[in-house]
């Protein structure tokens, strides 16, 4: 099994929804185009010891919502509403022409 990838704190990691104190959904950075990333907080609660690590990667909001229900525990209602408004397919996915 591959180790989860750390998400660098950069401008391109746009937070879509902060689900609770340990989980958030971000729009994937340019080197992972077309994905919403379910990220969990890692490390110690002490300052300077925390960060976010990608836990799962989704192009479909339905699988993202299912993963949130299965893994994240109680979620803020406004965060769930933000997830439910996502388009049916990530906007940065390129369509393949036959």
N, C-alpha and C. Protein backbone atom coordinates (compact mmCIF):
# COMPACT_ATOMS: atom_id res chain seq x y z
N UNK A 1 0.84 -1.18 0.00
CA UNK A 1 0.00 0.00 0.00
C UNK A 1 0.88 1.23 0.00
N UNK A 2 0.55 2.20 -0.82
CA UNK A 2 1.32 3.44 -0.89
C UNK A 2 1.05 4.33 0.30
N UNK A 3 2.05 5.04 0.73
CA UNK A 3 1.89 6.00 1.83
C UNK A 3 1.11 7.20 1.31
N UNK A 4 0.29 7.83 2.18
CA UNK A 4 -0.44 9.01 1.74
C UNK A 4 0.52 10.15 1.42
N UNK A 5 0.13 10.97 0.51
CA UNK A 5 0.97 12.09 0.10
C UNK A 5 0.65 13.34 0.91
N UNK A 6 1.69 14.00 1.36
CA UNK A 6 1.50 15.25 2.10
C UNK A 6 1.03 16.33 1.15
N UNK A 7 0.13 17.16 1.62
CA UNK A 7 -0.36 18.28 0.82
C UNK A 7 0.38 19.54 1.25
N UNK A 8 1.17 20.11 0.36
CA UNK A 8 1.89 21.32 0.74
C UNK A 8 0.91 22.47 0.96
N UNK A 9 1.25 23.33 1.93
CA UNK A 9 0.41 24.50 2.19
C UNK A 9 0.74 25.56 1.16
N UNK A 10 0.04 25.52 0.06
CA UNK A 10 0.27 26.47 -1.02
C UNK A 10 -1.07 27.02 -1.48
N UNK A 11 -1.00 28.10 -2.20
CA UNK A 11 -2.21 28.78 -2.66
C UNK A 11 -3.07 27.88 -3.55
N UNK A 12 -2.46 26.98 -4.31
CA UNK A 12 -3.25 26.16 -5.24
C UNK A 12 -4.03 25.06 -4.53
N UNK A 13 -3.78 24.80 -3.26
CA UNK A 13 -4.58 23.84 -2.51
C UNK A 13 -5.78 24.55 -1.92
N UNK A 14 -6.75 24.84 -2.74
CA UNK A 14 -7.92 25.60 -2.31
C UNK A 14 -8.84 24.72 -1.48
N UNK A 15 -9.11 25.16 -0.26
CA UNK A 15 -10.02 24.43 0.60
C UNK A 15 -11.45 24.60 0.11
N UNK A 16 -12.13 23.50 -0.11
CA UNK A 16 -13.52 23.54 -0.54
C UNK A 16 -14.43 23.50 0.67
N UNK A 17 -14.09 22.64 1.65
CA UNK A 17 -14.91 22.52 2.86
C UNK A 17 -14.06 22.01 4.01
N UNK A 18 -14.16 22.65 5.13
CA UNK A 18 -13.55 22.15 6.37
C UNK A 18 -14.62 21.33 7.06
N UNK A 19 -14.47 20.02 7.08
CA UNK A 19 -15.51 19.12 7.55
C UNK A 19 -15.63 19.11 9.07
N UNK A 20 -14.50 19.05 9.74
CA UNK A 20 -14.42 19.09 11.19
C UNK A 20 -12.97 19.41 11.55
N UNK A 21 -12.59 19.23 12.79
CA UNK A 21 -11.24 19.62 13.20
C UNK A 21 -10.14 18.74 12.60
N UNK A 22 -10.48 17.56 12.11
CA UNK A 22 -9.48 16.62 11.59
C UNK A 22 -9.55 16.38 10.08
N UNK A 23 -10.61 16.83 9.42
CA UNK A 23 -10.80 16.52 8.00
C UNK A 23 -11.19 17.76 7.20
N UNK A 24 -10.74 17.80 5.94
CA UNK A 24 -11.15 18.85 5.01
C UNK A 24 -11.12 18.30 3.59
N UNK A 25 -11.77 19.01 2.68
CA UNK A 25 -11.74 18.68 1.26
C UNK A 25 -11.08 19.84 0.54
N UNK A 26 -10.06 19.54 -0.27
CA UNK A 26 -9.38 20.57 -1.04
C UNK A 26 -9.42 20.21 -2.51
N UNK A 27 -9.32 21.24 -3.34
CA UNK A 27 -9.16 21.04 -4.77
C UNK A 27 -7.71 20.66 -4.99
N UNK A 28 -7.47 19.55 -5.65
CA UNK A 28 -6.11 19.05 -5.80
C UNK A 28 -5.18 20.04 -6.48
N UNK A 29 -3.90 19.97 -6.14
CA UNK A 29 -2.91 20.87 -6.74
C UNK A 29 -2.67 20.52 -8.20
N UNK A 30 -1.95 21.37 -8.93
CA UNK A 30 -1.77 21.17 -10.37
C UNK A 30 -1.17 19.82 -10.76
N UNK A 31 -0.33 19.23 -9.92
CA UNK A 31 0.26 17.94 -10.31
C UNK A 31 -0.69 16.78 -10.04
N UNK A 32 -1.88 17.03 -9.49
CA UNK A 32 -2.96 16.05 -9.37
C UNK A 32 -4.21 16.67 -9.97
N UNK A 33 -4.22 17.00 -11.24
CA UNK A 33 -5.35 17.76 -11.79
C UNK A 33 -6.64 16.96 -11.79
N UNK A 34 -7.72 17.67 -11.62
CA UNK A 34 -9.03 17.06 -11.75
C UNK A 34 -9.44 16.18 -10.59
N UNK A 35 -8.99 16.50 -9.38
CA UNK A 35 -9.36 15.68 -8.24
C UNK A 35 -9.71 16.54 -7.03
N UNK A 36 -10.69 16.08 -6.31
CA UNK A 36 -10.96 16.62 -4.98
C UNK A 36 -10.27 15.70 -4.00
N UNK A 37 -9.56 16.26 -3.04
CA UNK A 37 -8.77 15.47 -2.11
C UNK A 37 -9.41 15.53 -0.72
N UNK A 38 -9.72 14.37 -0.17
CA UNK A 38 -10.15 14.28 1.21
C UNK A 38 -8.88 14.18 2.04
N UNK A 39 -8.63 15.20 2.86
CA UNK A 39 -7.38 15.29 3.60
C UNK A 39 -7.64 15.26 5.10
N UNK A 40 -6.73 14.59 5.81
CA UNK A 40 -6.84 14.55 7.26
C UNK A 40 -5.66 15.27 7.88
N UNK A 41 -5.89 15.81 9.07
CA UNK A 41 -4.83 16.50 9.78
C UNK A 41 -3.89 15.46 10.37
N UNK A 42 -2.62 15.72 10.25
CA UNK A 42 -1.63 14.79 10.79
C UNK A 42 -0.84 15.45 11.89
N UNK A 43 -0.14 14.66 12.62
CA UNK A 43 0.80 15.18 13.59
C UNK A 43 0.22 15.51 14.94
N UNK A 44 1.06 16.08 15.74
CA UNK A 44 0.74 16.45 17.11
C UNK A 44 -0.06 17.74 17.13
N UNK A 45 -0.90 17.93 18.16
CA UNK A 45 -1.64 19.19 18.25
C UNK A 45 -0.77 20.39 18.62
N UNK A 46 0.51 20.15 18.89
CA UNK A 46 1.40 21.27 19.23
C UNK A 46 1.67 22.12 18.00
N UNK A 47 1.88 23.41 18.18
CA UNK A 47 2.18 24.29 17.04
C UNK A 47 3.41 23.81 16.27
N UNK A 48 3.35 23.91 14.97
CA UNK A 48 4.46 23.54 14.12
C UNK A 48 4.56 22.04 13.84
N UNK A 49 3.68 21.25 14.39
CA UNK A 49 3.74 19.80 14.21
C UNK A 49 2.57 19.26 13.39
N UNK A 50 1.80 20.12 12.82
CA UNK A 50 0.62 19.65 12.08
C UNK A 50 0.78 19.92 10.59
N UNK A 51 -0.07 19.34 9.85
CA UNK A 51 -0.13 19.51 8.41
C UNK A 51 -1.30 18.68 7.91
N UNK A 52 -1.45 18.63 6.62
CA UNK A 52 -2.55 17.87 6.03
C UNK A 52 -1.96 16.81 5.13
N UNK A 53 -2.59 15.66 5.13
CA UNK A 53 -2.15 14.57 4.28
C UNK A 53 -3.35 14.07 3.48
N UNK A 54 -3.13 13.84 2.19
CA UNK A 54 -4.20 13.35 1.33
C UNK A 54 -4.57 11.93 1.71
N UNK A 55 -5.83 11.71 1.96
CA UNK A 55 -6.30 10.39 2.38
C UNK A 55 -6.97 9.65 1.23
N UNK A 56 -7.74 10.37 0.42
CA UNK A 56 -8.36 9.76 -0.75
C UNK A 56 -8.60 10.85 -1.79
N UNK A 57 -8.73 10.43 -3.04
CA UNK A 57 -8.77 11.34 -4.18
C UNK A 57 -9.98 11.00 -5.04
N UNK A 58 -10.76 12.01 -5.40
CA UNK A 58 -12.04 11.75 -6.06
C UNK A 58 -12.26 12.69 -7.24
N UNK A 59 -12.88 12.14 -8.28
CA UNK A 59 -13.31 12.96 -9.43
C UNK A 59 -14.82 13.08 -9.46
N UNK A 60 -15.50 12.31 -8.62
CA UNK A 60 -16.96 12.27 -8.57
C UNK A 60 -17.43 12.66 -7.18
N UNK A 61 -18.34 13.63 -7.06
CA UNK A 61 -18.77 14.08 -5.74
C UNK A 61 -19.54 13.02 -4.95
N UNK A 62 -20.16 12.06 -5.65
CA UNK A 62 -20.90 11.01 -4.94
C UNK A 62 -19.96 10.08 -4.19
N UNK A 63 -18.84 9.71 -4.81
CA UNK A 63 -17.89 8.86 -4.10
C UNK A 63 -17.19 9.64 -2.99
N UNK A 64 -16.98 10.92 -3.22
CA UNK A 64 -16.41 11.78 -2.17
C UNK A 64 -17.34 11.83 -0.97
N UNK A 65 -18.63 12.05 -1.20
CA UNK A 65 -19.61 12.12 -0.10
C UNK A 65 -19.69 10.79 0.64
N UNK A 66 -19.64 9.68 -0.08
CA UNK A 66 -19.67 8.36 0.56
C UNK A 66 -18.43 8.16 1.44
N UNK A 67 -17.28 8.56 0.93
CA UNK A 67 -16.04 8.43 1.69
C UNK A 67 -16.08 9.31 2.95
N UNK A 68 -16.64 10.48 2.83
CA UNK A 68 -16.78 11.38 3.98
C UNK A 68 -17.65 10.71 5.05
N UNK A 69 -18.79 10.16 4.64
CA UNK A 69 -19.68 9.49 5.60
C UNK A 69 -18.99 8.32 6.30
N UNK A 70 -18.18 7.58 5.55
CA UNK A 70 -17.54 6.38 6.10
C UNK A 70 -16.33 6.68 6.99
N UNK A 71 -15.66 7.80 6.79
CA UNK A 71 -14.38 8.01 7.45
C UNK A 71 -14.30 9.19 8.41
N UNK A 72 -15.12 10.20 8.24
CA UNK A 72 -14.85 11.48 8.90
C UNK A 72 -15.61 11.75 10.18
N UNK A 73 -16.57 10.92 10.55
CA UNK A 73 -17.34 11.19 11.75
C UNK A 73 -18.28 12.36 11.55
N UNK A 74 -18.66 13.06 12.63
CA UNK A 74 -19.58 14.19 12.51
C UNK A 74 -18.99 15.30 11.62
N UNK A 75 -19.82 15.80 10.73
CA UNK A 75 -19.41 16.81 9.75
C UNK A 75 -20.29 18.04 9.90
N UNK A 76 -19.67 19.22 9.77
CA UNK A 76 -20.41 20.47 9.83
C UNK A 76 -21.45 20.51 8.71
N UNK A 77 -22.70 20.90 9.02
CA UNK A 77 -23.75 20.92 7.99
C UNK A 77 -23.41 21.81 6.79
N UNK A 78 -22.78 22.96 7.04
CA UNK A 78 -22.43 23.86 5.93
C UNK A 78 -21.34 23.23 5.04
N UNK A 79 -20.48 22.41 5.62
CA UNK A 79 -19.46 21.72 4.83
C UNK A 79 -20.10 20.67 3.92
N UNK A 80 -21.04 19.92 4.47
CA UNK A 80 -21.73 18.92 3.67
C UNK A 80 -22.52 19.59 2.54
N UNK A 81 -23.12 20.73 2.83
CA UNK A 81 -23.84 21.48 1.78
C UNK A 81 -22.89 21.90 0.66
N UNK A 82 -21.68 22.31 1.01
CA UNK A 82 -20.70 22.69 -0.01
C UNK A 82 -20.32 21.50 -0.88
N UNK A 83 -20.18 20.32 -0.29
CA UNK A 83 -19.85 19.12 -1.06
C UNK A 83 -20.99 18.76 -2.00
N UNK A 84 -22.20 18.89 -1.53
CA UNK A 84 -23.37 18.52 -2.35
C UNK A 84 -23.58 19.47 -3.53
N UNK A 85 -22.96 20.65 -3.52
CA UNK A 85 -23.10 21.58 -4.64
C UNK A 85 -22.01 21.40 -5.70
N UNK A 86 -21.08 20.49 -5.48
CA UNK A 86 -20.02 20.27 -6.47
C UNK A 86 -20.63 19.71 -7.76
N UNK A 87 -20.00 20.02 -8.91
CA UNK A 87 -20.52 19.47 -10.17
C UNK A 87 -20.35 17.95 -10.23
N UNK A 88 -21.06 17.30 -11.14
CA UNK A 88 -21.02 15.83 -11.25
C UNK A 88 -19.66 15.28 -11.64
N UNK A 89 -18.82 16.12 -12.15
CA UNK A 89 -17.48 15.71 -12.57
C UNK A 89 -16.54 16.88 -12.29
N UNK A 90 -15.34 16.58 -11.83
CA UNK A 90 -14.41 17.67 -11.54
C UNK A 90 -14.18 18.49 -12.81
N UNK A 91 -14.23 19.82 -12.71
CA UNK A 91 -14.14 20.65 -13.92
C UNK A 91 -12.79 20.58 -14.63
N UNK A 92 -11.74 20.13 -13.97
CA UNK A 92 -10.44 20.07 -14.63
C UNK A 92 -10.16 18.73 -15.30
N UNK A 93 -11.13 17.85 -15.34
CA UNK A 93 -10.93 16.57 -16.04
C UNK A 93 -11.06 16.83 -17.53
N UNK A 94 -10.08 16.39 -18.26
CA UNK A 94 -10.11 16.56 -19.71
C UNK A 94 -10.85 15.39 -20.33
N UNK A 95 -11.74 15.71 -21.23
CA UNK A 95 -12.48 14.66 -21.94
C UNK A 95 -11.62 14.06 -23.02
N UNK A 96 -11.67 12.76 -23.11
CA UNK A 96 -10.94 12.07 -24.18
C UNK A 96 -11.87 11.94 -25.38
N UNK A 97 -11.35 12.32 -26.50
CA UNK A 97 -12.14 12.17 -27.73
C UNK A 97 -11.83 10.82 -28.36
N UNK A 98 -12.88 10.16 -28.88
CA UNK A 98 -12.64 8.85 -29.52
C UNK A 98 -11.86 8.97 -30.81
